C-alpha atoms as a PDB file:
ATOM      1  CA  MET A   1       0.006  -0.030   0.019  1.00  0.00           C
ATOM      2  CA  LYS A   2       2.743   2.435   0.945  1.00  0.00           C
ATOM      3  CA  ARG A   3       4.561   1.619  -2.283  1.00  0.00           C
ATOM      4  CA  PHE A   4       1.463   2.506  -4.331  1.00  0.00           C
ATOM      5  CA  MET A   5       0.902   5.730  -2.326  1.00  0.00           C
ATOM      6  CA  PHE A   6       4.519   6.739  -2.965  1.00  0.00           C
ATOM      7  CA  LEU A   7       4.185   6.119  -6.706  1.00  0.00           C
ATOM      8  CA  GLY A   8       0.976   8.070  -6.732  1.00  0.00           C
ATOM      9  CA  VAL A   9       2.565  11.093  -5.040  1.00  0.00           C
ATOM     10  CA  LEU A  10       5.596  10.824  -7.329  1.00  0.00           C
ATOM     11  CA  ALA A  11       3.379  10.881 -10.421  1.00  0.00           C
ATOM     12  CA  ALA A  12       1.450  13.868  -9.124  1.00  0.00           C
ATOM     13  CA  PHE A  13       4.702  15.692  -8.329  1.00  0.00           C
ATOM     14  CA  CYS A  14       6.055  15.065 -11.890  1.00  0.00           C
ATOM     15  CA  PHE A  15       2.792  16.259 -13.388  1.00  0.00           C
ATOM     16  CA  VAL A  16       2.950  19.540 -11.397  1.00  0.00           C
ATOM     17  CA  LEU A  17       6.576  19.975 -12.491  1.00  0.00           C
ATOM     18  CA  SER A  18       5.658  19.503 -16.112  1.00  0.00           C
ATOM     19  CA  ILE A  19       2.851  22.145 -15.904  1.00  0.00           C
ATOM     20  CA  GLY A  20       5.002  24.568 -13.912  1.00  0.00           C
ATOM     21  CA  SER A  21       7.994  24.411 -16.315  1.00  0.00           C
ATOM     22  CA  GLY A  22       6.014  24.199 -19.505  1.00  0.00           C
ATOM     23  CA  VAL A  23       9.128  22.667 -21.130  1.00  0.00           C
ATOM     24  CA  ALA A  24       8.864  19.010 -20.159  1.00  0.00           C
ATOM     25  CA  ALA A  25       7.966  17.974 -23.674  1.00  0.00           C
ATOM     26  CA  ALA A  26      10.189  20.283 -25.606  1.00  0.00           C
ATOM     27  CA  GLN A  27      12.501  23.209 -25.383  1.00  0.00           C
ATOM     28  CA  SER A  28      11.229  26.734 -25.747  1.00  0.00           C
ATOM     29  CA  VAL A  29      11.400  28.473 -29.102  1.00  0.00           C
ATOM     30  CA  HIS A  30      14.171  30.766 -27.814  1.00  0.00           C
ATOM     31  CA  ASP A  31      16.251  27.852 -26.516  1.00  0.00           C
ATOM     32  CA  ARG A  32      15.929  25.867 -29.831  1.00  0.00           C
ATOM     33  CA  ALA A  33      17.076  28.924 -31.715  1.00  0.00           C
ATOM     34  CA  ASP A  34      20.086  29.573 -29.373  1.00  0.00           C
ATOM     35  CA  ALA A  35      22.715  27.626 -31.112  1.00  0.00           C
ATOM     36  CA  ASP A  36      25.585  28.063 -28.606  1.00  0.00           C
ATOM     37  CA  LYS A  37      23.194  27.921 -25.577  1.00  0.00           C
ATOM     38  CA  ASP A  38      24.464  31.188 -24.104  1.00  0.00           C
ATOM     39  CA  GLY A  39      20.940  32.471 -23.535  1.00  0.00           C
ATOM     40  CA  VAL A  40      21.166  35.006 -26.396  1.00  0.00           C
ATOM     41  CA  ILE A  41      19.882  34.687 -30.047  1.00  0.00           C
ATOM     42  CA  THR A  42      22.239  36.268 -32.580  1.00  0.00           C
ATOM     43  CA  LYS A  43      21.458  37.230 -36.179  1.00  0.00           C
ATOM     44  CA  GLU A  44      22.900  33.986 -37.356  1.00  0.00           C
ATOM     45  CA  ASP A  45      20.793  32.100 -34.869  1.00  0.00           C
ATOM     46  CA  MET A  46      17.702  33.883 -35.985  1.00  0.00           C
ATOM     47  CA  LYS A  47      18.457  33.287 -39.648  1.00  0.00           C
ATOM     48  CA  LYS A  48      18.798  29.462 -39.196  1.00  0.00           C
ATOM     49  CA  ALA A  49      15.782  29.257 -36.911  1.00  0.00           C
ATOM     50  CA  LEU A  50      13.646  31.273 -39.367  1.00  0.00           C
ATOM     51  CA  GLU A  51      14.517  28.900 -42.220  1.00  0.00           C
ATOM     52  CA  GLU A  52      13.764  25.827 -40.167  1.00  0.00           C
ATOM     53  CA  ARG A  53      10.549  27.345 -38.840  1.00  0.00           C
ATOM     54  CA  TYR A  54       9.382  28.102 -42.392  1.00  0.00           C
ATOM     55  CA  ARG A  55      10.193  24.551 -43.629  1.00  0.00           C
ATOM     56  CA  GLY A  56       8.364  23.130 -40.615  1.00  0.00           C
ATOM     57  CA  GLU A  57       5.191  25.098 -41.418  1.00  0.00           C
ATOM     58  CA  ASP A  58       5.321  23.953 -45.067  1.00  0.00           C
ATOM     59  CA  THR A  59       3.504  20.779 -44.260  1.00  0.00           C
ATOM     60  CA  ASN A  60       3.240  19.485 -47.917  1.00  0.00           C
ATOM     61  CA  LYS A  61       6.844  20.382 -48.624  1.00  0.00           C
ATOM     62  CA  ASP A  62       6.145  22.344 -51.824  1.00  0.00           C
ATOM     63  CA  GLY A  63       8.443  25.176 -50.827  1.00  0.00           C
ATOM     64  CA  LYS A  64       5.724  27.581 -49.808  1.00  0.00           C
ATOM     65  CA  VAL A  65       3.476  28.250 -46.884  1.00  0.00           C
ATOM     66  CA  THR A  66      -0.227  28.759 -47.639  1.00  0.00           C
ATOM     67  CA  VAL A  67      -2.483  30.879 -45.394  1.00  0.00           C
ATOM     68  CA  ASP A  68      -4.070  27.523 -44.281  1.00  0.00           C
ATOM     69  CA  GLU A  69      -0.714  25.971 -43.385  1.00  0.00           C
ATOM     70  CA  TYR A  70       0.155  29.086 -41.437  1.00  0.00           C
ATOM     71  CA  GLN A  71      -3.061  28.822 -39.472  1.00  0.00           C
ATOM     72  CA  ASP A  72      -2.522  25.064 -38.799  1.00  0.00           C
ATOM     73  CA  ALA A  73       0.896  25.956 -37.393  1.00  0.00           C
ATOM     74  CA  ARG A  74      -0.646  28.496 -35.077  1.00  0.00           C
ATOM     75  CA  ARG A  75      -3.065  25.851 -33.781  1.00  0.00           C
ATOM     76  CA  LYS A  76      -0.022  23.789 -32.931  1.00  0.00           C
ATOM     77  CA  ASN A  77       1.668  26.808 -31.217  1.00  0.00           C
ATOM     78  CA  PHE A  78      -1.364  27.305 -28.937  1.00  0.00           C
ATOM     79  CA  ASP A  79      -1.678  23.638 -28.062  1.00  0.00           C
ATOM     80  CA  ASP A  80       2.042  23.327 -27.253  1.00  0.00           C
ATOM     81  CA  ALA A  81       1.865  26.495 -25.126  1.00  0.00           C
ATOM     82  CA  ASP A  82      -1.185  25.160 -23.202  1.00  0.00           C
ATOM     83  CA  ALA A  83       0.882  23.262 -20.718  1.00  0.00           C
ATOM     84  CA  ASN A  84      -2.041  21.994 -18.477  1.00  0.00           C
ATOM     85  CA  LYS A  85      -4.329  21.330 -21.470  1.00  0.00           C
ATOM     86  CA  ASP A  86      -7.252  23.286 -20.121  1.00  0.00           C
ATOM     87  CA  GLY A  87      -7.880  25.051 -23.397  1.00  0.00           C
ATOM     88  CA  MET A  88      -6.605  28.393 -22.160  1.00  0.00           C
ATOM     89  CA  VAL A  89      -3.083  29.907 -22.111  1.00  0.00           C
ATOM     90  CA  THR A  90      -1.871  32.186 -19.350  1.00  0.00           C
ATOM     91  CA  VAL A  91       0.883  34.809 -19.856  1.00  0.00           C
ATOM     92  CA  GLU A  92       3.181  32.556 -17.875  1.00  0.00           C
ATOM     93  CA  GLU A  93       2.524  29.570 -20.233  1.00  0.00           C
ATOM     94  CA  TRP A  94       2.967  31.838 -23.171  1.00  0.00           C
ATOM     95  CA  ALA A  95       6.267  33.220 -22.033  1.00  0.00           C
ATOM     96  CA  ILE A  96       7.660  29.727 -21.132  1.00  0.00           C
ATOM     97  CA  TYR A  97       6.596  28.340 -24.562  1.00  0.00           C
ATOM     98  CA  TRP A  98       8.464  31.099 -26.386  1.00  0.00           C
ATOM     99  CA  CYS A  99      11.299  32.033 -23.989  1.00  0.00           C
ATOM    100  CA  GLY A 100      11.840  29.143 -21.587  1.00  0.00           C
ATOM    101  CA  THR A 101      11.101  31.425 -18.514  1.00  0.00           C
ATOM    102  CA  ASP A 102       8.146  33.473 -17.331  1.00  0.00           C
ATOM    103  CA  GLN A 103      10.188  35.739 -15.145  1.00  0.00           C
ATOM    104  CA  GLY A 104       8.641  39.171 -15.200  1.00  0.00           C
ATOM    105  CA  ALA A 105       5.881  38.166 -17.676  1.00  0.00           C
ATOM    106  CA  ALA A 106       3.018  38.980 -15.230  1.00  0.00           C
ATOM    107  CA  LYS A 107       4.339  42.566 -14.870  1.00  0.00           C
ATOM    108  CA  VAL A 108       4.010  43.363 -18.593  1.00  0.00           C
ATOM    109  CA  LYS A 109       0.826  45.385 -19.161  1.00  0.00           C
ATOM    110  CA  LYS A 110       1.638  47.205 -22.403  1.00  0.00           C
ATOM    111  CA  PRO A 111       0.469  45.391 -25.547  1.00  0.00           C
ATOM    112  CA  VAL A 112       2.886  44.767 -28.397  1.00  0.00           C
ATOM    113  CA  LYS A 113       1.135  45.203 -31.710  1.00  0.00           C
ATOM    114  CA  MET A 114       2.436  43.925 -34.991  1.00  0.00           C
ATOM    115  CA  SER A 115       2.524  45.824 -38.282  1.00  0.00           C
ATOM    116  CA  ARG A 116       4.268  45.515 -41.593  1.00  0.00           C
ATOM    117  CA  ASN A 117       6.552  48.416 -40.607  1.00  0.00           C
ATOM    118  CA  ALA A 118       8.084  46.747 -37.544  1.00  0.00           C
ATOM    119  CA  SER A 119       9.527  43.230 -37.517  1.00  0.00           C
ATOM    120  CA  ARG A 120       9.488  41.035 -34.430  1.00  0.00           C
ATOM    121  CA  ALA A 121      13.320  41.156 -34.203  1.00  0.00           C
ATOM    122  CA  LYS A 122      13.257  44.981 -34.249  1.00  0.00           C
ATOM    123  CA  LEU A 123      10.471  45.166 -31.564  1.00  0.00           C
ATOM    124  CA  MET A 124      12.194  42.556 -29.411  1.00  0.00           C
ATOM    125  CA  ASP A 125      15.682  44.051 -29.498  1.00  0.00           C
ATOM    126  CA  THR A 126      14.957  46.867 -26.986  1.00  0.00           C
ATOM    127  CA  ASN A 127      18.574  47.688 -26.207  1.00  0.00           C
ATOM    128  CA  LYS A 128      19.510  47.685 -29.959  1.00  0.00           C
ATOM    129  CA  ASP A 129      22.568  45.467 -29.632  1.00  0.00           C
ATOM    130  CA  GLY A 130      21.602  43.159 -32.440  1.00  0.00           C
ATOM    131  CA  LYS A 131      21.097  40.192 -30.039  1.00  0.00           C
ATOM    132  CA  LEU A 132      17.926  38.864 -28.343  1.00  0.00           C
ATOM    133  CA  GLY A 133      18.139  37.925 -24.618  1.00  0.00           C
ATOM    134  CA  LYS A 134      15.603  36.039 -22.581  1.00  0.00           C
ATOM    135  CA  ASP A 135      14.519  39.220 -20.785  1.00  0.00           C
ATOM    136  CA  GLU A 136      13.772  40.832 -24.106  1.00  0.00           C
ATOM    137  CA  CYS A 137      12.052  37.704 -25.221  1.00  0.00           C
ATOM    138  CA  VAL A 138       9.711  37.748 -22.227  1.00  0.00           C
ATOM    139  CA  VAL A 139       8.814  41.448 -22.546  1.00  0.00           C
ATOM    140  CA  PHE A 140       8.045  41.000 -26.206  1.00  0.00           C
ATOM    141  CA  TRP A 141       5.959  37.892 -26.037  1.00  0.00           C
ATOM    142  CA  ALA A 142       4.129  38.848 -22.800  1.00  0.00           C
ATOM    143  CA  GLY A 143       3.308  42.098 -24.624  1.00  0.00           C
ATOM    144  CA  ARG A 144       1.968  40.116 -27.491  1.00  0.00           C
ATOM    145  CA  PHE A 145      -0.139  38.098 -25.089  1.00  0.00           C
ATOM    146  CA  VAL A 146      -1.640  41.348 -23.729  1.00  0.00           C
ATOM    147  CA  ASP A 147      -2.486  42.304 -27.321  1.00  0.00           C
ATOM    148  CA  LEU A 148      -3.896  38.900 -28.289  1.00  0.00           C
ATOM    149  CA  ASP A 149      -6.059  38.563 -25.106  1.00  0.00           C
ATOM    150  CA  GLY A 150      -9.126  40.065 -26.685  1.00  0.00           C
ATOM    151  CA  ASN A 151     -11.495  40.122 -23.661  1.00  0.00           C
ATOM    152  CA  LYS A 152      -8.695  41.093 -21.250  1.00  0.00           C
ATOM    153  CA  ASP A 153      -9.402  38.335 -18.751  1.00  0.00           C
ATOM    154  CA  SER A 154      -5.685  37.417 -18.425  1.00  0.00           C
ATOM    155  CA  LYS A 155      -6.222  34.157 -20.309  1.00  0.00           C
ATOM    156  CA  MET A 156      -6.107  33.578 -23.996  1.00  0.00           C
ATOM    157  CA  SER A 157      -8.474  31.088 -25.480  1.00  0.00           C
ATOM    158  CA  ARG A 158      -7.658  29.101 -28.628  1.00  0.00           C
ATOM    159  CA  GLN A 159     -10.368  30.898 -30.590  1.00  0.00           C
ATOM    160  CA  GLU A 160      -9.084  34.349 -29.496  1.00  0.00           C
ATOM    161  CA  TYR A 161      -5.633  33.340 -30.753  1.00  0.00           C
ATOM    162  CA  LEU A 162      -6.717  31.862 -34.046  1.00  0.00           C
ATOM    163  CA  ASP A 163      -9.062  34.778 -34.844  1.00  0.00           C
ATOM    164  CA  ARG A 164      -6.169  37.237 -34.468  1.00  0.00           C
ATOM    165  CA  MET A 165      -3.838  34.995 -36.484  1.00  0.00           C
ATOM    166  CA  LYS A 166      -6.229  35.234 -39.417  1.00  0.00           C
ATOM    167  CA  ALA A 167      -5.461  38.940 -39.518  1.00  0.00           C
ATOM    168  CA  MET A 168      -1.778  38.175 -38.990  1.00  0.00           C
ATOM    169  CA  ALA A 169      -1.693  35.835 -41.958  1.00  0.00           C
ATOM    170  CA  LYS A 170      -3.326  38.551 -44.123  1.00  0.00           C
ATOM    171  CA  MET A 171      -0.788  41.096 -43.075  1.00  0.00           C
ATOM    172  CA  MET A 172       2.126  38.752 -43.748  1.00  0.00           C
ATOM    173  CA  ASP A 173       0.733  37.802 -47.147  1.00  0.00           C
ATOM    174  CA  ILE A 174       1.881  41.147 -48.693  1.00  0.00           C
ATOM    175  CA  ASP A 175       0.694  40.488 -52.264  1.00  0.00           C
ATOM    176  CA  GLY A 176      -2.512  38.892 -51.121  1.00  0.00           C
ATOM    177  CA  ASP A 177      -2.143  35.717 -53.227  1.00  0.00           C
ATOM    178  CA  GLY A 178      -2.914  33.286 -50.346  1.00  0.00           C
ATOM    179  CA  VAL A 179       0.697  32.199 -50.040  1.00  0.00           C
ATOM    180  CA  ILE A 180       3.221  33.521 -47.498  1.00  0.00           C
ATOM    181  CA  THR A 181       6.573  33.235 -49.313  1.00  0.00           C
ATOM    182  CA  ILE A 182       9.915  32.948 -47.487  1.00  0.00           C
ATOM    183  CA  GLU A 183      10.482  36.616 -48.374  1.00  0.00           C
ATOM    184  CA  GLU A 184       7.106  37.701 -46.901  1.00  0.00           C
ATOM    185  CA  TYR A 185       7.705  35.431 -43.868  1.00  0.00           C
ATOM    186  CA  SER A 186      11.181  36.925 -43.335  1.00  0.00           C
ATOM    187  CA  VAL A 187       9.917  40.484 -43.569  1.00  0.00           C
ATOM    188  CA  SER A 188       7.621  39.922 -40.639  1.00  0.00           C
ATOM    189  CA  TRP A 189      10.349  38.316 -38.512  1.00  0.00           C
ATOM    190  CA  VAL A 190      13.551  40.195 -39.349  1.00  0.00           C
ATOM    191  CA  GLY A 191      12.487  43.186 -41.390  1.00  0.00           C
ATOM    192  CA  LYS A 192      12.690  44.036 -45.096  1.00  0.00           C
ATOM    193  CA  ASP A 193      16.395  44.836 -44.985  1.00  0.00           C
ATOM    194  CA  ASN A 194      17.334  41.386 -43.736  1.00  0.00           C
ATOM    195  CA  ALA A 195      14.583  39.362 -45.402  1.00  0.00           C
ATOM    196  CA  ALA A 196      15.363  36.220 -47.300  1.00  0.00           C
ATOM    197  CA  THR A 197      15.075  36.075 -51.076  1.00  0.00           C
ATOM    198  CA  LYS A 198      14.419  33.050 -53.194  1.00  0.00           C
ATOM    199  CA  ASN A 199      18.138  32.429 -53.656  1.00  0.00           C
ATOM    200  CA  GLU A 200      19.480  33.979 -50.396  1.00  0.00           C
ATOM    201  CA  PRO A 201      18.942  32.961 -46.737  1.00  0.00           C
ATOM    202  CA  ALA A 202      17.462  35.385 -44.268  1.00  0.00           C
ATOM    203  CA  GLY A 203      19.817  37.876 -42.831  1.00  0.00           C
ATOM    204  CA  LYS A 204      22.176  38.067 -45.813  1.00  0.00           C
ATOM    205  CA  THR A 205      22.882  41.684 -46.630  1.00  0.00           C
ATOM    206  CA  LYS A 206      21.749  42.757 -50.076  1.00  0.00           C
ATOM    207  CA  LYS A 207      24.081  44.826 -52.318  1.00  0.00           C
ATOM    208  CA  GLY A 208      23.292  48.380 -52.461  1.00  0.00           C
ATOM    209  CA  ALA A 209      23.350  50.542 -55.585  1.00  0.00           C
ATOM    210  CA  ALA A 210      26.912  51.724 -54.759  1.00  0.00           C
ATOM    211  CA  GLN A 211      28.090  48.092 -54.619  1.00  0.00           C
ATOM    212  CA  LYS A 212      26.743  47.066 -58.001  1.00  0.00           C
ATOM    213  CA  THR A 213      29.294  46.309 -60.734  1.00  0.00           C
ATOM    214  CA  PRO A 214      29.270  49.175 -63.225  1.00  0.00           C
ATOM    215  CA  ALA A 215      27.946  48.366 -66.637  1.00  0.00           C
ATOM    216  CA  LYS A 216      30.523  47.928 -69.338  1.00  0.00           C
ATOM    217  CA  LYS A 217      30.611  50.763 -71.892  1.00  0.00           C
END
């Protein structure tokens, strides 16, 4: 009897730990992108993570992400973030999913809104050092949570999130053709200046007019 009671207590303790950490099943998005595991995402880390993320959302592997595929990926985001599987996500769960920590997340009250003129990387890099630390990660994604929590009850439902992601997909699909290309995807994440092209990875600097080879006379 005592043995069974001990096993039951142990199982309950492990379950609580898995809910509290939110990372029992997988690393946070920030930690997966952090190649050298120093707690900071560099431009190169972001470039690689962005390419992998895009390929992962291209479920039929045709080299492009449709609006429907994008929406399916957002459903998975929500379900992965919902650590205790109650159909709702708290700001702590949201911060842990993205950043691996919820430290300071509950204190964030200002919403972070997305637009075509400001990439995630630019909004997240508050100290403008070109690197993204976990503290910056938490402030950004907790701010996104505040914006996405439509009824402001401090919990985000699956429907609230998916409804807002419809508008996000439309914003990212710049030419409105129902497909979010790697270029369009990159603009939203790292900005137009660092966006990938069909033949270049995200983050590669494009040649300016002054760098172009002069035409032969």
